[in-house]
């Protein structure tokens, strides 16, 4: 089940999110039966420094914990994967969107 949220324009360009809820029992780990949360973030290759990537992972984890009513003791139940897309492999509106176009869009949003 996907629960789309409308994209919102932000300082670093357009952001969108959706939730995929798995059926009961669809996910198991060797440790326990507690729910796990997977956040997947896709960004253009090279736009995140190590510091910004770490901040993104930390912010995503805090957001999920807060939304789920969990504490930082449950942080290892939140998994964050950052996928970097090489230039020329990102598309929108039926066309390939280049990194330079995304940078220009972000600059306009900041103006």
Foldseek 3Di string as FASTA:
>chain_A
DKDWDDWDADLQGIDTDIDDDDPQPPDDDPPDRDAAAEAEAEDAPPPDDPVRVVVVLVVVLVVVCVVVVHDVVCSVSYHYHYHHDYAQPDDDPPHGDGPVNSVVNSVVVVD
